[in-house]
Protein backbone atom coordinates (compact mmCIF):
# COMPACT_ATOMS: atom_id res chain seq x y z
CA UNK A 1 27.27 20.01 12.23
CA UNK A 2 28.01 22.59 9.07
CA UNK A 3 25.80 20.99 6.63
CA UNK A 4 24.42 17.96 8.79
CA UNK A 5 20.55 17.72 9.35
CA UNK A 6 18.05 15.57 10.97
CA UNK A 7 15.25 14.88 10.07
CA UNK A 8 12.98 16.05 12.34
CA UNK A 9 10.74 12.86 13.90
CA UNK A 10 6.85 12.92 12.81
CA UNK A 11 4.35 14.79 15.26
CA UNK A 12 1.69 12.26 16.36
CA UNK A 13 -0.66 11.73 13.72
CA UNK A 14 1.62 12.25 10.64
CA UNK A 15 2.94 9.55 8.45
CA UNK A 16 6.45 8.69 8.64
CA UNK A 17 8.21 8.68 5.05
CA UNK A 18 7.86 4.73 4.56
CA UNK A 19 4.73 4.70 5.60
CA UNK A 20 3.27 7.78 3.14
CA UNK A 21 5.72 5.58 0.50
CA UNK A 22 4.31 2.48 0.93
CA UNK A 23 0.26 4.02 1.03
CA UNK A 24 0.96 5.13 -2.13
CA UNK A 25 2.15 2.37 -3.45
CA UNK A 26 -0.28 0.59 -2.17
CA UNK A 27 -2.60 3.40 -3.72
CA UNK A 28 -1.49 3.02 -7.28
CA UNK A 29 -1.47 -1.07 -7.37
CA UNK A 30 -4.88 -1.14 -6.91
CA UNK A 31 -5.65 1.27 -9.06
CA UNK A 32 -4.08 -0.23 -12.06
CA UNK A 33 -5.66 -3.93 -10.79
CA UNK A 34 -9.42 -2.47 -10.85
CA UNK A 35 -9.01 -0.44 -13.88
CA UNK A 36 -7.01 -4.13 -15.35
CA UNK A 37 -10.06 -6.18 -13.46
CA UNK A 38 -7.97 -8.36 -12.02
CA UNK A 39 -8.52 -6.44 -8.43
CA UNK A 40 -8.73 -8.94 -5.41
CA UNK A 41 -11.64 -8.31 -2.30
CA UNK A 42 -8.69 -9.15 -0.04
CA UNK A 43 -7.07 -5.66 -1.64
CA UNK A 44 -9.73 -3.24 -1.60
CA UNK A 45 -10.03 -4.20 1.79
CA UNK A 46 -6.46 -4.04 2.88
CA UNK A 47 -5.65 -0.33 1.49
CA UNK A 48 -8.95 0.98 3.55
CA UNK A 49 -7.56 -0.29 6.70
CA UNK A 50 -4.14 1.28 5.15
CA UNK A 51 -6.14 3.86 4.87
CA UNK A 52 -8.15 3.77 8.17
CA UNK A 53 -4.70 3.75 10.14
CA UNK A 54 -2.91 6.20 7.51
CA UNK A 55 -5.90 8.98 9.04
CA UNK A 56 -5.09 8.13 12.75
CA UNK A 57 -1.49 8.86 12.80
CA UNK A 58 0.33 5.00 12.82
CA UNK A 59 2.63 4.33 10.45
CA UNK A 60 2.84 0.77 12.18
CA UNK A 61 -0.37 -0.55 10.75
CA UNK A 62 -0.20 1.70 7.62
CA UNK A 63 3.05 0.39 7.08
CA UNK A 64 1.35 -3.60 7.51
CA UNK A 65 -1.94 -3.27 5.26
CA UNK A 66 -0.33 -1.43 2.80
CA UNK A 67 2.31 -3.77 2.40
CA UNK A 68 -0.78 -6.44 2.51
CA UNK A 69 -2.60 -4.30 -0.23
CA UNK A 70 0.22 -4.25 -2.41
CA UNK A 71 1.12 -7.87 -2.64
CA UNK A 72 -2.56 -8.55 -3.40
CA UNK A 73 -2.84 -6.26 -6.32
CA UNK A 74 0.79 -7.35 -7.62
CA UNK A 75 -1.32 -10.94 -6.75
CA UNK A 76 -4.31 -10.32 -8.66
CA UNK A 77 -2.12 -8.54 -12.24
CA UNK A 78 0.21 -11.42 -12.38
CA UNK A 79 -2.93 -13.93 -11.85
CA UNK A 80 -4.17 -12.49 -15.46
CA UNK A 81 -0.91 -13.41 -16.88
CA UNK A 82 -2.31 -17.44 -15.80
CA UNK A 83 -3.62 -19.62 -18.50
CA UNK A 84 -7.63 -19.95 -19.05
CA UNK A 85 -7.54 -23.21 -18.91
CA UNK A 86 -5.25 -26.14 -18.35
CA UNK A 87 -3.78 -28.97 -20.94
């Protein structure tokens, strides 16, 4: 076993690395969308749900809600590039 190690399993109430990373990315994208005045309400609501799940230590729910928050924030940012009117 020299040189090999096993990652410690998350303790009850702790988020796994994937959930932590997803939450961080969602936070970043929501802030970016908000600063760009492109934040959708659905992104904010999903981020709030992800934060509640993280506080409860629920990695699965954190991942699900963070993914939705990130997706909705990205869509809001992409919408900035849409034409304002149809030709």
